[in-house]
């Protein structure tokens, strides 16, 4: 299905702190940047991959088959802020299976649903920025397809530009990457390198570990993330590595780990404080798009509605966010399984629902 390119877009830069002290409403807020990445490309772009078999509902709901994105957020870096280059953000749909529509021998943006160039203000020294791009009109994307966000480095000083990233690996006791559980196939990565010097499009692995860019799509509506607390009392991670692949093995793959998987829901103004938030779970895959029930809201149920059970509930606090952590028994019988969760919130006054994304934890 061909989707139209977006209209003009606007962008804003915000200085990025090393602690990412911003509201925890999105994926970037639950990831920890480790290094700045160009992907080894002299010219071209690196692409963040959002796989549809890991999560459903990463776009504002239009219909079971179509969602809308309102923007993109990324953490980018410039070695010399006084000679700023240009970052060009491109949004792609899926072409061949698990690959973007952009051909390896085409300039970045050729098949993009939308593209926007942005140049940071001249600022002395090395700079990191939270780059927020807002679309003047929502961009439609296809549910069930993978989504790709490309970050192109352009301009005379483009060699100084990079995007922040993190590594992840299920290799035992890894030290250079976020340690993930055995459900993560070693070498799995969520980053592509589009090198326009040699016309290649390759999956990017660094130091034997997978790569995830600090990039996220933005949309209107409630949101939900799969998370993992890597041991009681520890920080949670929302990465695609440990966040969706907890180390619950007995003994653990990584010494000392006792991961607690979970889900974080953000209402984002869709329902008021005091609304009931319910987390449901299924061992069945996401529902086929032609079987997705749409509840009053509208609130799509991305899970198999005939195979769900309630895992937990909470009252929405003033923060607008609820975090659920599962209490798994010792040596839980989930090895090799995919566990699918989604949160829904009920407005007690209008009785309308808001739905967060559905996510898959792989054990």
Protein backbone atom coordinates (compact mmCIF):
# COMPACT_ATOMS: atom_id res chain seq x y z
CA UNK A 1 0.00 0.00 0.00
CA UNK A 2 1.40 3.39 -0.96
CA UNK A 3 1.13 6.06 1.70
CA UNK A 4 1.47 9.79 1.01
CA UNK A 5 4.55 11.78 1.97
CA UNK A 6 4.04 14.24 4.79
CA UNK A 7 3.75 17.98 4.47
CA UNK A 8 6.33 20.39 5.89
CA UNK A 9 7.75 19.62 9.30
CA UNK A 10 9.21 21.70 12.09
CA UNK A 11 12.06 20.85 14.43
CA UNK A 12 13.47 21.99 17.76
CA UNK A 13 16.71 21.33 19.61
CA UNK A 14 17.03 20.98 23.37
CA UNK A 15 20.35 20.60 25.14
CA UNK A 16 20.76 16.99 26.30
CA UNK A 17 22.07 16.25 29.76
CA UNK A 18 24.06 13.13 30.53
CA UNK A 19 21.37 12.01 32.96
CA UNK A 20 18.44 12.53 30.58
CA UNK A 21 16.50 14.37 33.27
CA UNK A 22 13.25 14.58 31.33
CA UNK A 23 9.77 13.21 31.92
CA UNK A 24 9.54 9.44 31.53
CA UNK A 25 6.90 9.29 28.86
CA UNK A 26 8.82 7.68 26.00
CA UNK A 27 11.35 5.08 25.00
CA UNK A 28 14.40 7.39 25.18
CA UNK A 29 13.72 8.16 28.82
CA UNK A 30 14.25 4.51 29.77
CA UNK A 31 17.43 3.96 27.74
CA UNK A 32 21.00 4.76 28.74
CA UNK A 33 23.24 6.25 26.03
CA UNK A 34 26.62 4.54 25.83
CA UNK A 35 28.39 6.02 22.81
CA UNK A 36 28.00 8.20 19.72
CA UNK A 37 27.57 6.32 16.45
CA UNK A 38 28.14 7.03 12.76
CA UNK A 39 27.93 3.37 11.81
CA UNK A 40 31.28 3.41 10.04
CA UNK A 41 29.80 5.20 7.03
CA UNK A 42 31.61 8.08 5.27
CA UNK A 43 28.32 9.22 3.71
CA UNK A 44 24.76 8.06 4.16
CA UNK A 45 22.47 7.34 7.11
CA UNK A 46 21.93 5.01 10.04
CA UNK A 47 18.43 3.67 10.57
CA UNK A 48 16.60 2.73 13.76
CA UNK A 49 14.43 -0.37 13.32
CA UNK A 50 11.06 -0.81 15.08
CA UNK A 51 9.88 -4.38 14.52
CA UNK A 52 6.16 -5.04 14.39
CA UNK A 53 6.55 -8.50 15.94
CA UNK A 54 7.91 -6.88 19.14
CA UNK A 55 5.26 -4.21 19.59
CA UNK A 56 1.92 -3.05 18.18
CA UNK A 57 0.46 0.41 18.65
CA UNK A 58 3.55 2.63 18.25
CA UNK A 59 1.39 5.12 16.34
CA UNK A 60 -1.81 7.05 16.95
CA UNK A 61 -4.80 4.84 16.17
CA UNK A 62 -6.73 5.43 12.93
CA UNK A 63 -7.84 1.88 12.14
CA UNK A 64 -6.47 -1.59 12.86
CA UNK A 65 -4.42 -1.33 9.66
CA UNK A 66 -3.28 2.32 9.84
CA UNK A 67 -1.68 4.50 12.51
CA UNK A 68 -0.37 8.06 12.49
CA UNK A 69 2.92 9.51 13.69
CA UNK A 70 3.21 13.12 14.82
CA UNK A 71 7.01 13.31 14.99
CA UNK A 72 10.34 11.76 15.84
CA UNK A 73 12.76 12.31 18.73
CA UNK A 74 16.48 11.51 18.68
CA UNK A 75 19.60 12.27 20.71
CA UNK A 76 22.30 13.52 18.36
CA UNK A 77 25.82 14.82 18.83
CA UNK A 78 28.25 17.25 17.17
CA UNK A 79 31.98 17.17 17.95
CA UNK A 80 32.35 20.89 17.18
CA UNK A 81 29.22 22.91 17.79
CA UNK A 82 30.72 26.01 16.14
CA UNK A 83 30.77 24.27 12.73
CA UNK A 84 27.32 22.72 12.80
CA UNK A 85 26.37 20.18 10.19
CA UNK A 86 22.86 19.11 9.25
CA UNK A 87 20.90 16.13 10.49
CA UNK A 88 18.24 14.89 8.07
CA UNK A 89 15.58 12.64 9.57
CA UNK A 90 13.80 10.22 7.22
CA UNK A 91 10.77 8.07 8.00
CA UNK A 92 10.44 4.82 6.00
CA UNK A 93 7.93 2.02 5.79
CA UNK A 94 8.76 -1.63 5.19
CA UNK A 95 9.66 -2.86 1.69
CA UNK A 96 11.16 -6.33 1.54
CA UNK A 97 10.68 -8.37 4.71
CA UNK A 98 12.27 -6.57 7.70
CA UNK A 99 13.94 -4.00 5.41
CA UNK A 100 13.06 -0.37 4.62
CA UNK A 101 11.78 0.77 1.26
CA UNK A 102 15.03 2.64 0.55
CA UNK A 103 17.27 0.76 -1.96
CA UNK A 104 20.95 0.48 -1.07
CA UNK A 105 21.95 2.38 -4.22
CA UNK A 106 19.51 5.27 -3.68
CA UNK A 107 20.23 8.56 -1.89
CA UNK A 108 18.80 8.75 1.64
CA UNK A 109 15.20 9.90 1.69
CA UNK A 110 14.36 8.78 -1.86
CA UNK A 111 11.43 6.61 -0.72
CA UNK A 112 10.76 8.25 2.64
CA UNK A 113 7.24 8.91 3.90
CA UNK A 114 8.65 12.19 5.17
CA UNK A 115 12.04 13.90 5.51
CA UNK A 116 13.24 17.00 7.33
CA UNK A 117 16.71 18.60 7.51
CA UNK A 118 17.63 20.38 10.73
CA UNK A 119 20.78 22.29 11.66
CA UNK A 120 21.56 22.95 15.33
CA UNK A 121 22.54 26.45 16.46
CA UNK A 122 26.26 27.25 16.56
CA UNK A 123 27.45 26.55 20.11
CA UNK A 124 31.07 26.30 21.37
CA UNK A 125 32.44 22.87 22.22
CA UNK A 126 31.12 19.35 21.80
CA UNK A 127 27.34 19.30 21.95
CA UNK A 128 24.60 16.71 22.48
CA UNK A 129 21.02 17.55 21.62
CA UNK A 130 17.58 16.08 22.07
CA UNK A 131 16.22 16.68 18.59
CA UNK A 132 12.43 16.75 18.42
CA UNK A 133 10.84 16.83 14.98
CA UNK A 134 7.11 17.54 14.79
CA UNK A 135 5.16 16.90 11.60
CA UNK A 136 2.80 19.66 10.52
CA UNK A 137 0.41 16.89 9.44
CA UNK A 138 0.37 13.38 10.94
CA UNK A 139 2.15 10.78 8.80
CA UNK A 140 0.19 7.56 8.17
CA UNK A 141 2.03 4.27 8.69
CA UNK A 142 0.92 0.68 8.23
CA UNK A 143 0.27 -1.40 11.33
CA UNK A 144 1.92 -4.81 11.10
CA UNK A 145 4.85 -3.48 9.08
CA UNK A 146 8.25 -2.62 10.48
CA UNK A 147 9.04 1.09 10.83
CA UNK A 148 12.42 2.71 10.13
CA UNK A 149 13.76 6.12 11.16
CA UNK A 150 16.90 7.19 9.30
CA UNK A 151 19.35 9.80 10.59
CA UNK A 152 21.41 11.19 7.71
CA UNK A 153 24.58 13.21 8.31
CA UNK A 154 24.90 16.08 5.82
CA UNK A 155 26.71 19.35 5.19
CA UNK A 156 30.40 20.30 4.93
CA UNK A 157 31.09 19.29 8.55
CA UNK A 158 28.99 16.12 8.47
CA UNK A 159 31.94 13.95 9.57
CA UNK A 160 31.60 15.56 13.02
CA UNK A 161 28.00 14.39 13.45
CA UNK A 162 26.68 11.26 15.15
CA UNK A 163 23.63 9.84 16.91
CA UNK A 164 23.76 8.38 20.39
CA UNK A 165 23.27 4.65 20.79
CA UNK A 166 23.53 1.70 23.14
CA UNK A 167 24.73 -1.89 22.81
CA UNK A 168 23.06 -5.10 23.94
CA UNK A 169 24.09 -8.73 24.10
CA UNK A 170 23.06 -12.07 25.59
CA UNK A 171 26.68 -13.20 25.80
CA UNK A 172 27.32 -14.37 29.39
CA UNK A 173 28.57 -11.68 31.78
CA UNK A 174 29.08 -9.14 28.98
CA UNK A 175 30.62 -5.85 30.16
CA UNK A 176 30.54 -3.52 27.12
CA UNK A 177 26.82 -3.85 26.43
CA UNK A 178 23.50 -4.06 28.25
CA UNK A 179 23.22 -7.72 29.33
CA UNK A 180 20.06 -9.35 28.00
CA UNK A 181 18.46 -12.70 28.75
CA UNK A 182 18.68 -15.92 26.71
CA UNK A 183 15.63 -14.97 24.64
CA UNK A 184 17.79 -12.50 22.70
CA UNK A 185 19.50 -14.25 19.80
CA UNK A 186 23.16 -13.27 19.93
CA UNK A 187 23.97 -10.65 17.29
CA UNK A 188 20.40 -9.34 17.04
CA UNK A 189 20.49 -5.62 16.21
CA UNK A 190 17.95 -2.86 15.66
CA UNK A 191 20.16 -0.60 13.53
CA UNK A 192 20.96 -0.53 9.82
CA UNK A 193 23.83 1.29 8.10
CA UNK A 194 23.04 2.77 4.68
CA UNK A 195 26.42 3.54 3.14
CA UNK A 196 26.05 5.63 -0.02
CA UNK A 197 29.78 5.46 -0.75
CA UNK A 198 29.63 1.75 -1.60
CA UNK A 199 25.84 1.45 -2.01
CA UNK A 200 25.29 -0.99 0.85
CA UNK A 201 22.51 -1.50 3.39
CA UNK A 202 23.67 -3.74 6.24
CA UNK A 203 22.67 -4.70 9.76
CA UNK A 204 25.01 -3.00 12.20
CA UNK A 205 26.82 -4.93 14.94
CA UNK A 206 29.53 -3.29 17.06
CA UNK A 207 32.06 -5.20 19.19
CA UNK A 208 30.00 -8.35 18.63
CA UNK A 209 26.91 -6.73 20.15
CA UNK A 210 23.66 -5.44 18.72
CA UNK A 211 22.99 -1.69 18.43
CA UNK A 212 19.90 0.38 19.26
CA UNK A 213 19.85 4.07 18.36
CA UNK A 214 18.40 6.59 20.81
CA UNK A 215 15.57 7.38 18.44
CA UNK A 216 11.81 7.06 18.95
CA UNK A 217 8.61 7.78 17.01
CA UNK A 218 6.12 10.22 18.55
CA UNK A 219 2.34 10.07 18.33
CA UNK A 220 -0.87 11.30 19.93
CA UNK A 221 -2.57 9.02 22.43
CA UNK A 222 -1.72 6.70 25.28
CA UNK A 223 1.55 4.78 25.12
CA UNK A 224 3.03 1.65 26.61
CA UNK A 225 6.51 0.15 26.88
CA UNK A 226 7.87 -3.24 27.74
CA UNK A 227 10.38 -2.82 30.56
CA UNK A 228 12.64 -4.87 32.80
CA UNK A 229 14.02 -4.20 36.28
CA UNK A 230 17.35 -5.99 36.24
CA UNK A 231 17.18 -6.80 39.95
CA UNK A 232 14.93 -5.70 42.85
CA UNK A 233 15.34 -1.97 43.46
CA UNK A 234 17.40 -1.35 40.30
CA UNK A 235 16.58 1.11 37.54
CA UNK A 236 14.30 -0.19 34.82
CA UNK A 237 15.33 -0.36 31.18
CA UNK A 238 13.02 0.07 28.22
CA UNK A 239 15.56 -0.99 25.59
CA UNK A 240 14.85 -3.71 23.06
CA UNK A 241 17.69 -5.70 24.66
CA UNK A 242 17.12 -6.40 28.37
CA UNK A 243 13.88 -4.40 28.36
CA UNK A 244 12.18 -6.99 26.14
CA UNK A 245 14.52 -9.93 26.83
CA UNK A 246 14.78 -10.35 30.62
CA UNK A 247 17.34 -12.62 32.26
CA UNK A 248 15.05 -14.83 34.33
CA UNK A 249 17.06 -18.01 33.73
CA UNK A 250 18.12 -20.20 36.67
CA UNK A 251 21.01 -19.87 37.02
CA UNK A 252 21.01 -16.44 35.32
CA UNK A 253 23.01 -15.91 32.15
CA UNK A 254 24.63 -12.91 33.86
CA UNK A 255 25.92 -13.44 37.39
CA UNK A 256 23.79 -11.82 40.09
CA UNK A 257 20.82 -11.03 37.87
CA UNK A 258 17.23 -11.58 38.96
CA UNK A 259 15.25 -9.73 36.31
CA UNK A 260 11.67 -8.59 36.86
CA UNK A 261 9.81 -7.90 33.59
CA UNK A 262 7.08 -5.31 33.41
CA UNK A 263 5.11 -2.70 31.51
CA UNK A 264 4.95 1.09 31.74
CA UNK A 265 1.75 2.89 30.75
CA UNK A 266 1.47 6.63 30.04
CA UNK A 267 -2.00 8.13 29.58
CA UNK A 268 -0.64 11.29 27.91
CA UNK A 269 -3.86 13.15 28.71
CA UNK A 270 -6.24 10.58 27.19
CA UNK A 271 -7.89 9.69 30.51
CA UNK A 272 -7.99 11.61 33.82
CA UNK A 273 -6.37 10.98 37.17
CA UNK A 274 -8.29 8.27 38.98
CA UNK A 275 -8.91 6.15 35.90
CA UNK A 276 -8.58 2.40 36.30
CA UNK A 277 -5.58 0.94 34.43
CA UNK A 278 -5.60 -2.80 33.76
CA UNK A 279 -2.71 -4.88 32.41
CA UNK A 280 -3.68 -7.96 30.42
CA UNK A 281 -1.43 -10.80 29.27
CA UNK A 282 -1.50 -13.55 26.66
CA UNK A 283 0.80 -16.30 25.46
CA UNK A 284 -0.71 -16.04 21.98
CA UNK A 285 0.82 -13.78 19.30
CA UNK A 286 -0.66 -10.39 18.41
CA UNK A 287 -4.16 -10.63 16.95
CA UNK A 288 -4.42 -10.58 13.14
CA UNK A 289 -5.31 -7.06 12.02
CA UNK A 290 -8.68 -8.16 10.65
CA UNK A 291 -9.57 -9.56 14.09
CA UNK A 292 -8.57 -6.58 16.25
CA UNK A 293 -11.56 -5.44 18.35
CA UNK A 294 -11.84 -1.67 18.73
CA UNK A 295 -13.32 -0.72 22.10
CA UNK A 296 -15.02 2.65 22.81
CA UNK A 297 -12.28 5.29 22.93
CA UNK A 298 -11.27 4.22 20.34
CA UNK A 299 -9.02 1.65 22.02
CA UNK A 300 -7.68 -1.24 19.93
CA UNK A 301 -7.05 -4.58 21.66
CA UNK A 302 -3.88 -5.77 19.92
CA UNK A 303 -3.79 -9.07 21.82
CA UNK A 304 -5.86 -12.18 21.13
CA UNK A 305 -9.00 -11.16 23.02
CA UNK A 306 -10.02 -14.79 23.48
CA UNK A 307 -6.79 -15.72 25.23
CA UNK A 308 -6.10 -12.90 27.71
CA UNK A 309 -6.07 -12.82 31.49
CA UNK A 310 -5.72 -9.86 33.83
CA UNK A 311 -2.24 -9.56 35.31
CA UNK A 312 -2.67 -6.43 37.41
CA UNK A 313 -4.56 -3.18 37.92
CA UNK A 314 -3.90 0.27 39.37
CA UNK A 315 -5.50 3.69 39.73
CA UNK A 316 -3.91 6.32 37.48
CA UNK A 317 -2.02 8.85 39.66
CA UNK A 318 -1.50 12.55 38.96
CA UNK A 319 1.71 11.74 37.07
CA UNK A 320 -0.38 10.08 34.38
CA UNK A 321 1.82 6.98 34.46
CA UNK A 322 1.59 3.49 35.91
CA UNK A 323 4.40 0.96 36.15
CA UNK A 324 3.59 -2.74 36.46
CA UNK A 325 6.26 -5.28 37.48
CA UNK A 326 5.51 -8.99 37.29
CA UNK A 327 6.19 -11.21 40.26
CA UNK A 328 7.63 -14.32 38.63
CA UNK A 329 8.29 -17.40 40.77
CA UNK A 330 11.81 -18.82 41.10
CA UNK A 331 12.88 -20.62 37.93
CA UNK A 332 9.75 -19.46 36.08
CA UNK A 333 8.38 -21.89 33.45
CA UNK A 334 8.63 -19.32 30.65
CA UNK A 335 11.97 -20.27 29.03
CA UNK A 336 11.64 -20.00 25.27
CA UNK A 337 8.22 -18.36 25.45
CA UNK A 338 6.97 -15.03 24.18
CA UNK A 339 4.68 -13.25 26.66
CA UNK A 340 2.45 -10.48 25.28
CA UNK A 341 1.05 -7.65 27.40
CA UNK A 342 -1.06 -4.52 26.91
CA UNK A 343 -2.58 -1.94 29.26
CA UNK A 344 -5.99 -0.31 28.94
CA UNK A 345 -7.34 2.58 31.03
CA UNK A 346 -11.01 3.30 31.75
CA UNK A 347 -12.26 6.86 32.22
CA UNK A 348 -14.69 6.56 35.20
CA UNK A 349 -16.83 9.45 33.95
CA UNK A 350 -17.22 8.78 30.21
CA UNK A 351 -16.52 5.02 30.38
CA UNK A 352 -14.27 5.39 27.36
CA UNK A 353 -10.97 3.52 27.14
CA UNK A 354 -7.40 4.40 26.23
CA UNK A 355 -5.04 1.68 25.01
CA UNK A 356 -1.28 1.50 25.36
CA UNK A 357 0.88 -0.38 22.89
CA UNK A 358 1.05 -4.17 23.08
CA UNK A 359 4.56 -5.57 23.62
CA UNK A 360 6.29 -8.95 23.57
CA UNK A 361 8.83 -10.09 26.16
CA UNK A 362 10.90 -13.00 24.89
CA UNK A 363 12.33 -15.36 27.52
